[in-house]
Amino acid sequence: MNKTLHKIYVGLFLFVGISVTILLAIYGFEYYTTSLEERFFNPSHDLLKPSGALGHGLGIVGTLMMIVGVGVYMIRKRYRKFFNIGYLKHWLEFHIFLCSVGPVLVLYHTAFKFGGIVSVSFWSMVLVVLSGVVGRFIYLQIPRTIQGHEISISDLNSIKDKLAIKVRSVMSEDSSTLLEFERVSSADRYKSFRLITAVGFFVRDFFDIKRVMRLLKMRIKLLGIGKLERDELLKAAKSEIIIARRIALLRTSQKLFHWWHIFHLPFAIAMFVIMVIHVAVTIIFGYKWIF
């Protein structure tokens, strides 16, 4: 999948997810904002209530999306014979789409009415989704091949050294700019990183890197280098800075990802177990949707 096709792939997921959320909100706004006591008299009650034709359908579709989203990603990730079917990061994006839109549909299925054991499943689902957002951020901090396999520190250092040659060969005579660049592209600058101050650290780091990259861009431009070569140098410089961060934070990210799994998995299991119980009870009591 080339870059253009990948952008369309991700963009389609975003478009569908946002559109479904907004359209359902607009369509059912009057019903969902009506008090629980008065909903019975609302014209949309028979359609949008949890056991209604649309409300029940949203629950079924949302549940299936989550089951498929988790199932296909786990199969692709764990079974070797499926390793060559697409890139893992693309399957992860598919997993995120299904497991983001699915809970939205389940939310509309509940008609924003939570109670009993189902509320435990719902809030477990909310925690799974929120922790999934955090997990995605941590996952991105761990460098991987295009197939999704982790890259070792030695491989990262080798890549960084190759990138360093490109930038330093051009900026060797501009010692002040080169010194600034070496500062932001050094893994040593992350020794002061602490989890408790991570947000502030990354905000300062972001603006510091932006400043140095602007300086570097200006200096390279003054050298009269062609646009194509200039873009390649800036891309190499940015890649070197990113790799330096990942080298420095690799072990921290791996530990965080490990602890994230420990937090994420129990809530996911609780959500699915209660979901199965809820579906079984629903069928036993004769709520069979449109069948």
Protein backbone atom coordinates (compact mmCIF):
# COMPACT_ATOMS: atom_id res chain seq x y z
CA MET A 1 0.00 0.00 0.00
CA ASN A 2 1.63 3.26 -1.13
CA LYS A 3 1.44 6.52 0.87
CA THR A 4 -1.46 7.98 -1.12
CA LEU A 5 -3.53 4.80 -0.80
CA HIS A 6 -2.68 4.62 2.91
CA LYS A 7 -3.88 8.20 3.45
CA ILE A 8 -7.15 7.33 1.70
CA TYR A 9 -7.41 4.17 3.83
CA VAL A 10 -7.00 6.08 7.11
CA GLY A 11 -9.01 9.07 5.88
CA LEU A 12 -11.94 6.79 5.01
CA PHE A 13 -11.92 5.39 8.55
CA LEU A 14 -11.94 8.89 10.02
CA PHE A 15 -14.69 10.05 7.68
CA VAL A 16 -16.94 7.06 8.43
CA GLY A 17 -16.34 7.25 12.20
CA ILE A 18 -17.01 10.99 12.48
CA SER A 19 -19.97 10.88 10.05
CA VAL A 20 -21.70 8.02 11.88
CA THR A 21 -21.27 9.76 15.25
CA ILE A 22 -22.60 13.11 14.01
CA LEU A 23 -25.49 11.71 11.93
CA LEU A 24 -26.78 9.55 14.79
CA ALA A 25 -26.47 12.49 17.18
CA ILE A 26 -28.47 14.74 14.83
CA TYR A 27 -31.08 12.08 14.02
CA GLY A 28 -31.75 11.15 17.64
CA PHE A 29 -31.01 14.48 19.33
CA GLU A 30 -34.60 15.15 20.40
CA TYR A 31 -35.04 11.61 21.76
CA TYR A 32 -31.69 11.37 23.56
CA THR A 33 -32.17 14.77 25.22
CA THR A 34 -35.67 13.85 26.45
CA SER A 35 -35.84 12.76 30.10
CA LEU A 36 -36.10 9.02 30.74
CA GLU A 37 -39.60 9.40 32.17
CA GLU A 38 -40.92 11.13 29.04
CA ARG A 39 -39.17 9.07 26.35
CA PHE A 40 -42.06 6.59 26.19
CA PHE A 41 -44.21 9.34 24.67
CA ASN A 42 -41.57 10.42 22.13
CA PRO A 43 -42.43 9.44 18.50
CA SER A 44 -38.94 7.92 18.07
CA HIS A 45 -39.15 5.74 21.18
CA ASP A 46 -40.10 2.50 19.40
CA LEU A 47 -37.24 3.00 16.94
CA LEU A 48 -34.39 4.29 19.15
CA LYS A 49 -34.97 2.52 22.48
CA PRO A 50 -32.38 -0.22 23.25
CA SER A 51 -34.84 -2.92 22.11
CA GLY A 52 -36.13 -0.85 19.17
CA ALA A 53 -35.47 -1.66 15.54
CA LEU A 54 -32.66 0.87 15.13
CA GLY A 55 -31.43 0.92 18.73
CA HIS A 56 -31.16 -2.86 18.89
CA GLY A 57 -29.49 -2.96 15.48
CA LEU A 58 -26.87 -0.44 16.57
CA GLY A 59 -26.04 -2.67 19.55
CA ILE A 60 -25.66 -5.74 17.33
CA VAL A 61 -23.53 -3.97 14.71
CA GLY A 62 -21.38 -2.27 17.37
CA THR A 63 -20.80 -5.55 19.22
CA LEU A 64 -19.86 -7.36 16.01
CA MET A 65 -17.46 -4.56 15.06
CA MET A 66 -15.63 -4.90 18.38
CA ILE A 67 -15.49 -8.71 18.15
CA VAL A 68 -14.19 -8.59 14.57
CA GLY A 69 -11.79 -5.75 15.40
CA VAL A 70 -10.19 -7.63 18.27
CA GLY A 71 -10.36 -11.04 16.58
CA VAL A 72 -8.73 -10.25 13.23
CA TYR A 73 -5.97 -8.17 14.81
CA MET A 74 -5.10 -10.85 17.37
CA ILE A 75 -5.08 -13.56 14.69
CA ARG A 76 -2.86 -11.46 12.38
CA LYS A 77 -0.51 -10.61 15.25
CA ARG A 78 -0.12 -14.04 16.86
CA TYR A 79 -0.33 -16.67 14.10
CA ARG A 80 2.76 -16.93 11.95
CA LYS A 81 0.96 -18.20 8.84
CA PHE A 82 -0.89 -14.86 8.63
CA PHE A 83 2.26 -12.70 9.00
CA ASN A 84 2.46 -12.00 5.27
CA ILE A 85 -1.14 -10.82 4.92
CA GLY A 86 -0.72 -7.04 4.91
CA TYR A 87 1.36 -4.91 7.26
CA LEU A 88 0.64 -5.16 10.98
CA LYS A 89 0.28 -1.36 11.32
CA HIS A 90 -2.52 -1.40 8.74
CA TRP A 91 -4.30 -4.15 10.67
CA LEU A 92 -3.82 -2.10 13.85
CA GLU A 93 -5.48 0.87 12.16
CA PHE A 94 -8.37 -1.38 11.11
CA HIS A 95 -8.59 -2.65 14.72
CA ILE A 96 -8.64 0.93 16.06
CA PHE A 97 -11.38 1.92 13.60
CA LEU A 98 -13.68 -0.99 14.47
CA CYS A 99 -13.00 -0.71 18.20
CA SER A 100 -13.66 3.04 18.17
CA VAL A 101 -16.82 3.14 16.04
CA GLY A 102 -18.19 -0.06 17.63
CA PRO A 103 -18.36 1.48 21.14
CA VAL A 104 -19.99 4.60 19.66
CA LEU A 105 -22.77 2.44 18.20
CA VAL A 106 -23.13 0.59 21.50
CA LEU A 107 -23.42 3.95 23.27
CA TYR A 108 -26.31 4.94 21.00
CA HIS A 109 -27.80 1.46 21.51
CA THR A 110 -28.02 2.15 25.26
CA ALA A 111 -29.82 5.44 24.48
CA PHE A 112 -27.53 6.89 27.17
CA LYS A 113 -29.27 4.84 29.85
CA PHE A 114 -26.97 2.72 31.99
CA GLY A 115 -27.88 0.43 34.82
CA GLY A 116 -27.22 -2.94 36.43
CA ILE A 117 -24.48 -5.28 35.24
CA VAL A 118 -24.57 -3.71 31.76
CA SER A 119 -23.17 -0.49 33.23
CA VAL A 120 -20.08 -2.44 34.32
CA SER A 121 -19.59 -3.60 30.73
CA PHE A 122 -20.16 -0.08 29.42
CA TRP A 123 -17.65 1.59 31.73
CA SER A 124 -15.18 -1.21 31.06
CA MET A 125 -15.64 -0.45 27.37
CA VAL A 126 -15.00 3.26 28.01
CA LEU A 127 -11.79 2.41 29.90
CA VAL A 128 -10.71 0.04 27.11
CA VAL A 129 -11.22 2.77 24.49
CA LEU A 130 -9.42 5.44 26.55
CA SER A 131 -6.54 3.11 27.39
CA GLY A 132 -6.41 2.17 23.71
CA VAL A 133 -5.71 5.82 22.84
CA VAL A 134 -2.87 5.84 25.38
CA GLY A 135 -1.63 2.48 24.10
CA ARG A 136 -1.55 3.77 20.54
CA PHE A 137 0.66 6.68 21.63
CA ILE A 138 3.05 4.34 23.48
CA TYR A 139 3.08 1.92 20.53
CA LEU A 140 4.19 4.72 18.22
CA GLN A 141 7.16 5.49 20.47
CA ILE A 142 8.58 1.99 19.92
CA PRO A 143 10.40 1.92 16.55
CA ARG A 144 9.30 -0.88 14.26
CA THR A 145 9.88 -2.19 10.77
CA ILE A 146 7.17 -1.74 8.17
CA GLN A 147 5.97 -5.24 9.07
CA GLY A 148 5.51 -4.16 12.69
CA HIS A 149 8.53 -5.88 14.29
CA GLU A 150 10.49 -3.98 16.94
CA ILE A 151 13.88 -2.56 15.92
CA SER A 152 16.82 -3.11 18.28
CA ILE A 153 18.95 -0.29 19.72
CA SER A 154 21.99 -1.39 17.68
CA ASP A 155 19.96 -1.16 14.46
CA LEU A 156 18.68 2.27 15.50
CA ASN A 157 22.21 3.50 16.18
CA SER A 158 23.30 2.24 12.78
CA ILE A 159 20.43 4.11 11.07
CA LYS A 160 21.21 7.25 13.09
CA ASP A 161 24.90 7.15 12.10
CA LYS A 162 24.00 6.92 8.41
CA LEU A 163 21.63 9.89 8.69
CA ALA A 164 24.24 11.90 10.63
CA ILE A 165 26.70 11.70 7.73
CA LYS A 166 24.24 13.45 5.38
CA VAL A 167 23.60 16.44 7.63
CA ARG A 168 27.14 16.96 8.93
CA SER A 169 28.70 16.76 5.48
CA VAL A 170 26.68 19.83 4.48
CA MET A 171 26.76 21.78 7.76
CA SER A 172 30.40 21.11 8.68
CA GLU A 173 31.43 24.77 8.19
CA ASP A 174 28.48 26.25 10.13
CA SER A 175 29.62 25.28 13.63
CA SER A 176 26.95 27.22 15.57
CA THR A 177 24.01 25.67 13.68
CA LEU A 178 25.63 22.25 13.75
CA LEU A 179 26.13 22.53 17.52
CA GLU A 180 22.43 23.35 18.01
CA PHE A 181 21.42 20.44 15.80
CA GLU A 182 23.72 18.01 17.61
CA ARG A 183 22.16 19.08 20.89
CA VAL A 184 18.60 18.25 19.79
CA SER A 185 19.67 15.07 17.97
CA SER A 186 21.54 13.66 20.96
CA ALA A 187 19.96 10.86 23.03
CA ASP A 188 21.69 12.28 26.13
CA ARG A 189 19.22 15.18 26.32
CA TYR A 190 16.52 12.71 27.39
CA LYS A 191 18.34 11.75 30.59
CA SER A 192 16.25 14.35 32.40
CA PHE A 193 13.02 12.72 31.19
CA ARG A 194 10.62 11.70 33.96
CA LEU A 195 7.19 10.12 33.55
CA ILE A 196 5.68 12.44 36.13
CA THR A 197 6.66 15.50 34.05
CA ALA A 198 6.32 13.84 30.62
CA VAL A 199 3.69 16.22 29.19
CA GLY A 200 5.66 19.38 30.00
CA PHE A 201 8.87 17.74 28.79
CA PHE A 202 7.42 16.82 25.38
CA VAL A 203 5.82 20.24 24.91
CA ARG A 204 9.16 22.01 25.53
CA ASP A 205 10.93 19.43 23.38
CA PHE A 206 8.47 19.96 20.51
CA PHE A 207 9.03 23.73 20.36
CA ASP A 208 12.80 23.38 20.82
CA ILE A 209 13.01 20.99 17.87
CA LYS A 210 10.78 23.25 15.75
CA ARG A 211 13.11 26.20 16.44
CA VAL A 212 16.26 24.28 15.53
CA MET A 213 14.66 22.84 12.37
CA ARG A 214 13.70 26.37 11.24
CA LEU A 215 17.27 27.51 11.84
CA LEU A 216 18.64 24.51 9.96
CA LYS A 217 16.25 25.09 7.05
CA MET A 218 17.30 28.74 6.80
CA ARG A 219 21.02 27.91 6.89
CA ILE A 220 20.73 25.15 4.28
CA LYS A 221 18.76 27.49 2.03
CA LEU A 222 21.53 30.11 2.25
CA LEU A 223 23.99 27.52 0.94
CA GLY A 224 22.18 27.57 -2.40
CA ILE A 225 21.33 23.86 -2.37
CA GLY A 226 18.57 22.72 -4.75
CA LYS A 227 15.07 22.18 -3.37
CA LEU A 228 15.06 18.39 -3.83
CA GLU A 229 18.39 17.92 -2.03
CA ARG A 230 17.37 20.46 0.61
CA ASP A 231 14.15 18.53 1.34
CA GLU A 232 16.11 15.28 1.61
CA LEU A 233 18.55 16.84 4.09
CA LEU A 234 15.77 18.25 6.24
CA LYS A 235 13.99 14.90 6.16
CA ALA A 236 17.22 13.17 7.23
CA ALA A 237 17.72 15.73 10.03
CA LYS A 238 14.19 15.24 11.33
CA SER A 239 14.56 11.45 11.16
CA GLU A 240 17.80 11.64 13.14
CA ILE A 241 16.11 13.67 15.89
CA ILE A 242 13.20 11.21 16.08
CA ILE A 243 15.54 8.22 16.21
CA ALA A 244 17.58 9.85 18.99
CA ARG A 245 14.40 10.21 21.05
CA ARG A 246 13.41 6.62 20.39
CA ILE A 247 16.85 5.30 21.32
CA ALA A 248 16.71 7.21 24.60
CA LEU A 249 13.12 6.25 25.46
CA LEU A 250 13.03 2.73 24.00
CA ARG A 251 13.32 0.84 27.29
CA THR A 252 10.90 3.22 29.03
CA SER A 253 8.37 2.80 26.20
CA GLN A 254 8.71 -0.98 26.30
CA LYS A 255 8.06 -1.02 30.05
CA LEU A 256 5.09 1.30 29.67
CA PHE A 257 3.68 -0.89 26.90
CA HIS A 258 4.06 -3.95 29.12
CA TRP A 259 2.18 -2.26 32.00
CA TRP A 260 -0.39 -0.92 29.57
CA HIS A 261 -1.21 -4.49 28.50
CA ILE A 262 -1.69 -5.48 32.13
CA PHE A 263 -4.18 -2.61 32.58
CA HIS A 264 -5.93 -2.90 29.19
CA LEU A 265 -6.53 -6.67 29.07
CA PRO A 266 -8.64 -7.19 32.26
CA PHE A 267 -11.10 -4.45 31.27
CA ALA A 268 -11.36 -5.87 27.75
CA ILE A 269 -12.07 -9.34 29.15
CA ALA A 270 -14.65 -7.97 31.64
CA MET A 271 -16.33 -6.04 28.83
CA PHE A 272 -16.64 -9.08 26.56
CA VAL A 273 -17.73 -11.49 29.33
CA ILE A 274 -20.56 -9.19 30.45
CA MET A 275 -21.41 -8.49 26.82
CA VAL A 276 -21.86 -12.22 26.18
CA ILE A 277 -24.04 -12.52 29.29
CA HIS A 278 -26.11 -9.52 28.16
CA VAL A 279 -26.62 -10.97 24.67
CA ALA A 280 -27.54 -14.40 26.09
CA VAL A 281 -30.09 -12.90 28.49
CA THR A 282 -31.53 -10.75 25.69
CA ILE A 283 -32.05 -13.80 23.47
CA ILE A 284 -33.53 -15.84 26.34
CA PHE A 285 -36.10 -13.09 26.99
CA GLY A 286 -37.07 -13.12 23.32
CA TYR A 287 -35.49 -9.90 22.04
CA LYS A 288 -34.47 -11.11 18.59
CA TRP A 289 -34.34 -7.79 16.73
CA ILE A 290 -35.94 -8.01 13.26
CA PHE A 291 -35.94 -11.82 13.00
